[in-house]
Amino acid sequence: METKARVSITVTEGWSWGTSLFAPECIALLKDTAAELGLPYREMLSQAGHDAYAVADLTPTVMIFTPCRDGISHNTNEAIDLARTLPGANLLLNAALRRANR
């Protein structure tokens, strides 16, 4: 292909999934805060290219997921119900306050 097009091609890797891990102290903070609030949680990996993966190279990072309606996410049909999202927002607020006040 290079010869036919008379160009030179160099392939470099600029980003790949899974190169940065989330901060164990942030994961522990979310788990502890969820337990304190009586919120159920499940640890999970995401294969989507969230900005948090890039930020994790710069600062302690973690993600919170809340359930989407009918389990559809990363799709134009994605929708959320406030009742299912409020626990995640409450977890974020309380975890941020705990970290700020440490």
N, C-alpha and C. Protein backbone atom coordinates (compact mmCIF):
# COMPACT_ATOMS: atom_id res chain seq x y z
N MET A 1 0.82 -1.18 0.00
CA MET A 1 0.00 0.00 0.00
C MET A 1 0.88 1.26 0.00
N GLU A 2 1.95 1.26 0.80
CA GLU A 2 2.84 2.41 0.84
C GLU A 2 3.46 2.67 -0.53
N THR A 3 3.90 1.60 -1.18
CA THR A 3 4.57 1.75 -2.47
C THR A 3 3.59 2.28 -3.51
N LYS A 4 2.42 1.71 -3.55
CA LYS A 4 1.42 2.13 -4.54
C LYS A 4 1.04 3.60 -4.35
N ALA A 5 0.90 4.04 -3.11
CA ALA A 5 0.51 5.42 -2.84
C ALA A 5 1.71 6.37 -2.80
N ARG A 6 2.93 5.80 -2.83
CA ARG A 6 4.17 6.56 -2.77
C ARG A 6 4.23 7.44 -1.51
N VAL A 7 3.92 6.79 -0.39
CA VAL A 7 3.99 7.47 0.91
C VAL A 7 4.71 6.56 1.91
N SER A 8 5.10 7.13 2.98
CA SER A 8 5.70 6.36 4.07
C SER A 8 4.72 6.38 5.24
N ILE A 9 4.45 5.22 5.80
CA ILE A 9 3.50 5.12 6.90
C ILE A 9 4.24 4.66 8.16
N THR A 10 4.03 5.39 9.23
CA THR A 10 4.56 5.01 10.53
C THR A 10 3.39 4.88 11.49
N VAL A 11 3.26 3.73 12.12
CA VAL A 11 2.17 3.50 13.06
C VAL A 11 2.73 3.66 14.47
N THR A 12 2.10 4.54 15.24
CA THR A 12 2.50 4.72 16.63
C THR A 12 1.27 4.56 17.52
N GLU A 13 1.51 4.14 18.72
CA GLU A 13 0.41 3.99 19.67
C GLU A 13 0.32 5.25 20.51
N GLY A 14 -0.80 5.95 20.42
CA GLY A 14 -0.99 7.18 21.18
C GLY A 14 -1.77 6.96 22.46
N TRP A 15 -2.61 5.96 22.47
CA TRP A 15 -3.44 5.67 23.64
C TRP A 15 -3.91 4.24 23.52
N SER A 16 -3.95 3.57 24.63
CA SER A 16 -4.52 2.23 24.62
C SER A 16 -5.24 2.01 25.93
N TRP A 17 -6.28 1.22 25.89
CA TRP A 17 -7.09 0.96 27.07
C TRP A 17 -6.31 0.12 28.06
N GLY A 18 -6.45 0.46 29.32
CA GLY A 18 -5.87 -0.35 30.35
C GLY A 18 -4.45 0.01 30.72
N THR A 19 -3.91 1.11 30.19
CA THR A 19 -2.54 1.47 30.52
C THR A 19 -2.46 2.18 31.87
N SER A 20 -3.54 2.80 32.30
CA SER A 20 -3.56 3.49 33.58
C SER A 20 -4.57 2.81 34.49
N LEU A 21 -4.17 2.64 35.73
CA LEU A 21 -5.06 2.05 36.71
C LEU A 21 -5.61 3.14 37.60
N PHE A 22 -6.81 2.93 38.09
CA PHE A 22 -7.38 3.91 39.01
C PHE A 22 -6.73 3.78 40.37
N ALA A 23 -6.73 4.87 41.10
CA ALA A 23 -6.04 4.96 42.38
C ALA A 23 -6.70 4.07 43.43
N PRO A 24 -5.94 3.14 44.00
CA PRO A 24 -6.49 2.25 45.03
C PRO A 24 -7.11 3.03 46.20
N GLU A 25 -6.51 4.18 46.56
CA GLU A 25 -7.07 4.95 47.67
C GLU A 25 -8.43 5.56 47.31
N CYS A 26 -8.62 5.89 46.04
CA CYS A 26 -9.92 6.42 45.60
C CYS A 26 -10.96 5.31 45.53
N ILE A 27 -10.55 4.14 45.10
CA ILE A 27 -11.46 3.00 45.06
C ILE A 27 -11.90 2.66 46.47
N ALA A 28 -10.95 2.62 47.40
CA ALA A 28 -11.27 2.34 48.81
C ALA A 28 -12.20 3.41 49.37
N LEU A 29 -11.96 4.66 49.02
CA LEU A 29 -12.81 5.76 49.48
C LEU A 29 -14.25 5.56 49.03
N LEU A 30 -14.43 5.19 47.76
CA LEU A 30 -15.79 4.97 47.25
C LEU A 30 -16.45 3.78 47.94
N LYS A 31 -15.70 2.71 48.12
CA LYS A 31 -16.26 1.52 48.77
C LYS A 31 -16.66 1.83 50.21
N ASP A 32 -15.79 2.53 50.93
CA ASP A 32 -16.08 2.88 52.33
C ASP A 32 -17.27 3.82 52.42
N THR A 33 -17.31 4.80 51.53
CA THR A 33 -18.41 5.77 51.53
C THR A 33 -19.72 5.10 51.17
N ALA A 34 -19.69 4.21 50.18
CA ALA A 34 -20.91 3.48 49.80
C ALA A 34 -21.42 2.64 50.97
N ALA A 35 -20.51 1.97 51.66
CA ALA A 35 -20.91 1.16 52.82
C ALA A 35 -21.51 2.05 53.90
N GLU A 36 -20.88 3.18 54.15
CA GLU A 36 -21.37 4.11 55.17
C GLU A 36 -22.77 4.63 54.83
N LEU A 37 -23.03 4.84 53.54
CA LEU A 37 -24.34 5.33 53.09
C LEU A 37 -25.35 4.21 52.89
N GLY A 38 -24.90 2.96 53.03
CA GLY A 38 -25.79 1.82 52.80
C GLY A 38 -26.13 1.61 51.34
N LEU A 39 -25.21 2.01 50.46
CA LEU A 39 -25.44 1.87 49.02
C LEU A 39 -24.79 0.59 48.51
N PRO A 40 -25.53 -0.18 47.71
CA PRO A 40 -24.90 -1.35 47.09
C PRO A 40 -23.95 -0.88 45.99
N TYR A 41 -22.92 -1.66 45.73
CA TYR A 41 -21.99 -1.32 44.66
C TYR A 41 -21.39 -2.59 44.10
N ARG A 42 -20.83 -2.44 42.92
CA ARG A 42 -20.12 -3.55 42.26
C ARG A 42 -18.89 -2.96 41.59
N GLU A 43 -17.74 -3.53 41.85
CA GLU A 43 -16.54 -3.09 41.14
C GLU A 43 -16.60 -3.65 39.72
N MET A 44 -16.24 -2.82 38.77
CA MET A 44 -16.27 -3.27 37.38
C MET A 44 -15.24 -2.50 36.55
N LEU A 45 -14.85 -3.11 35.46
CA LEU A 45 -13.95 -2.47 34.52
C LEU A 45 -14.78 -1.92 33.37
N SER A 46 -14.30 -0.85 32.79
CA SER A 46 -14.97 -0.29 31.62
C SER A 46 -14.03 -0.36 30.44
N GLN A 47 -14.54 -0.74 29.30
CA GLN A 47 -13.73 -0.77 28.09
C GLN A 47 -13.96 0.46 27.23
N ALA A 48 -14.83 1.34 27.69
CA ALA A 48 -15.06 2.57 26.94
C ALA A 48 -13.90 3.53 27.17
N GLY A 49 -13.66 4.41 26.24
CA GLY A 49 -12.54 5.35 26.34
C GLY A 49 -12.88 6.58 27.14
N HIS A 50 -13.16 6.42 28.41
CA HIS A 50 -13.52 7.55 29.26
C HIS A 50 -12.33 8.48 29.47
N ASP A 51 -12.62 9.78 29.61
CA ASP A 51 -11.57 10.76 29.88
C ASP A 51 -10.81 10.42 31.15
N ALA A 52 -11.46 9.74 32.07
CA ALA A 52 -10.83 9.40 33.35
C ALA A 52 -9.55 8.60 33.15
N TYR A 53 -9.45 7.82 32.09
CA TYR A 53 -8.22 7.06 31.86
C TYR A 53 -7.05 7.98 31.59
N ALA A 54 -7.28 9.06 30.84
CA ALA A 54 -6.20 10.02 30.57
C ALA A 54 -5.88 10.82 31.82
N VAL A 55 -6.89 11.18 32.58
CA VAL A 55 -6.69 11.96 33.81
C VAL A 55 -5.94 11.14 34.85
N ALA A 56 -6.11 9.82 34.84
CA ALA A 56 -5.47 8.95 35.83
C ALA A 56 -3.95 9.01 35.75
N ASP A 57 -3.40 9.45 34.64
CA ASP A 57 -1.95 9.61 34.53
C ASP A 57 -1.48 10.87 35.28
N LEU A 58 -2.41 11.77 35.58
CA LEU A 58 -2.06 13.05 36.18
C LEU A 58 -2.43 13.18 37.65
N THR A 59 -3.50 12.51 38.06
CA THR A 59 -4.00 12.68 39.42
C THR A 59 -4.78 11.44 39.84
N PRO A 60 -4.91 11.20 41.14
CA PRO A 60 -5.69 10.04 41.60
C PRO A 60 -7.12 10.11 41.04
N THR A 61 -7.56 9.02 40.45
CA THR A 61 -8.82 9.01 39.71
C THR A 61 -9.59 7.72 39.97
N VAL A 62 -10.90 7.83 39.88
CA VAL A 62 -11.80 6.68 39.98
C VAL A 62 -13.09 7.07 39.24
N MET A 63 -13.89 6.10 38.86
CA MET A 63 -15.16 6.40 38.18
C MET A 63 -16.32 5.80 38.96
N ILE A 64 -17.47 6.46 38.85
CA ILE A 64 -18.72 5.97 39.42
C ILE A 64 -19.68 5.78 38.25
N PHE A 65 -20.26 4.61 38.16
CA PHE A 65 -21.27 4.34 37.13
C PHE A 65 -22.63 4.20 37.81
N THR A 66 -23.66 4.71 37.17
CA THR A 66 -25.04 4.47 37.63
C THR A 66 -25.77 3.77 36.49
N PRO A 67 -26.77 2.96 36.83
CA PRO A 67 -27.46 2.17 35.80
C PRO A 67 -28.23 3.03 34.80
N CYS A 68 -28.14 2.67 33.55
CA CYS A 68 -28.92 3.31 32.50
C CYS A 68 -30.21 2.52 32.29
N ARG A 69 -31.21 3.21 31.81
CA ARG A 69 -32.49 2.56 31.53
C ARG A 69 -32.30 1.43 30.52
N ASP A 70 -32.83 0.28 30.82
CA ASP A 70 -32.77 -0.92 29.98
C ASP A 70 -31.34 -1.40 29.73
N GLY A 71 -30.37 -0.92 30.53
CA GLY A 71 -28.99 -1.37 30.39
C GLY A 71 -28.28 -0.84 29.15
N ILE A 72 -28.85 0.14 28.49
CA ILE A 72 -28.28 0.68 27.25
C ILE A 72 -27.39 1.88 27.59
N SER A 73 -26.09 1.77 27.26
CA SER A 73 -25.18 2.89 27.47
C SER A 73 -24.29 3.06 26.25
N HIS A 74 -23.66 4.23 26.16
CA HIS A 74 -22.79 4.57 25.03
C HIS A 74 -23.54 4.37 23.70
N ASN A 75 -24.75 4.89 23.67
CA ASN A 75 -25.64 4.70 22.53
C ASN A 75 -26.61 5.87 22.54
N THR A 76 -27.10 6.25 21.38
CA THR A 76 -28.04 7.37 21.32
C THR A 76 -29.33 7.09 22.08
N ASN A 77 -29.62 5.83 22.37
CA ASN A 77 -30.81 5.47 23.13
C ASN A 77 -30.57 5.44 24.64
N GLU A 78 -29.37 5.83 25.06
CA GLU A 78 -29.06 5.84 26.48
C GLU A 78 -29.96 6.84 27.20
N ALA A 79 -30.48 6.43 28.34
CA ALA A 79 -31.32 7.31 29.16
C ALA A 79 -31.12 6.92 30.63
N ILE A 80 -31.31 7.89 31.50
CA ILE A 80 -31.18 7.61 32.92
C ILE A 80 -32.45 8.02 33.64
N ASP A 81 -32.70 7.34 34.74
CA ASP A 81 -33.81 7.68 35.61
C ASP A 81 -33.23 8.35 36.84
N LEU A 82 -33.80 9.47 37.24
CA LEU A 82 -33.28 10.23 38.37
C LEU A 82 -33.14 9.36 39.63
N ALA A 83 -34.13 8.54 39.89
CA ALA A 83 -34.10 7.70 41.10
C ALA A 83 -32.90 6.75 41.11
N ARG A 84 -32.47 6.30 39.95
CA ARG A 84 -31.34 5.38 39.88
C ARG A 84 -30.00 6.12 39.80
N THR A 85 -30.05 7.41 39.53
CA THR A 85 -28.84 8.21 39.41
C THR A 85 -28.49 8.93 40.71
N LEU A 86 -29.49 9.29 41.49
CA LEU A 86 -29.24 10.03 42.73
C LEU A 86 -28.29 9.31 43.69
N PRO A 87 -28.37 8.00 43.86
CA PRO A 87 -27.40 7.35 44.76
C PRO A 87 -25.95 7.56 44.31
N GLY A 88 -25.68 7.51 43.01
CA GLY A 88 -24.34 7.74 42.51
C GLY A 88 -23.89 9.18 42.73
N ALA A 89 -24.81 10.13 42.53
CA ALA A 89 -24.49 11.54 42.78
C ALA A 89 -24.23 11.76 44.27
N ASN A 90 -25.01 11.12 45.11
CA ASN A 90 -24.83 11.23 46.55
C ASN A 90 -23.50 10.61 46.98
N LEU A 91 -23.15 9.49 46.36
CA LEU A 91 -21.86 8.86 46.64
C LEU A 91 -20.72 9.80 46.25
N LEU A 92 -20.80 10.41 45.08
CA LEU A 92 -19.78 11.34 44.63
C LEU A 92 -19.65 12.51 45.60
N LEU A 93 -20.76 13.11 45.98
CA LEU A 93 -20.73 14.25 46.91
C LEU A 93 -20.08 13.87 48.23
N ASN A 94 -20.53 12.77 48.82
CA ASN A 94 -20.00 12.36 50.12
C ASN A 94 -18.54 11.95 50.05
N ALA A 95 -18.14 11.26 49.00
CA ALA A 95 -16.74 10.86 48.84
C ALA A 95 -15.85 12.10 48.64
N ALA A 96 -16.31 13.06 47.87
CA ALA A 96 -15.55 14.29 47.65
C ALA A 96 -15.38 15.05 48.96
N LEU A 97 -16.44 15.12 49.76
CA LEU A 97 -16.35 15.81 51.04
C LEU A 97 -15.40 15.07 51.99
N ARG A 98 -15.46 13.76 52.01
CA ARG A 98 -14.55 12.98 52.86
C ARG A 98 -13.10 13.21 52.45
N ARG A 99 -12.85 13.21 51.16
CA ARG A 99 -11.48 13.42 50.69
C ARG A 99 -11.01 14.83 50.97
N ALA A 100 -11.87 15.82 50.80
CA ALA A 100 -11.50 17.22 51.06
C ALA A 100 -11.22 17.45 52.54
N ASN A 101 -11.89 16.71 53.40
CA ASN A 101 -11.77 16.92 54.84
C ASN A 101 -10.77 15.98 55.51
N ARG A 102 -10.00 15.24 54.73
CA ARG A 102 -9.05 14.29 55.36
C ARG A 102 -7.89 14.98 55.98
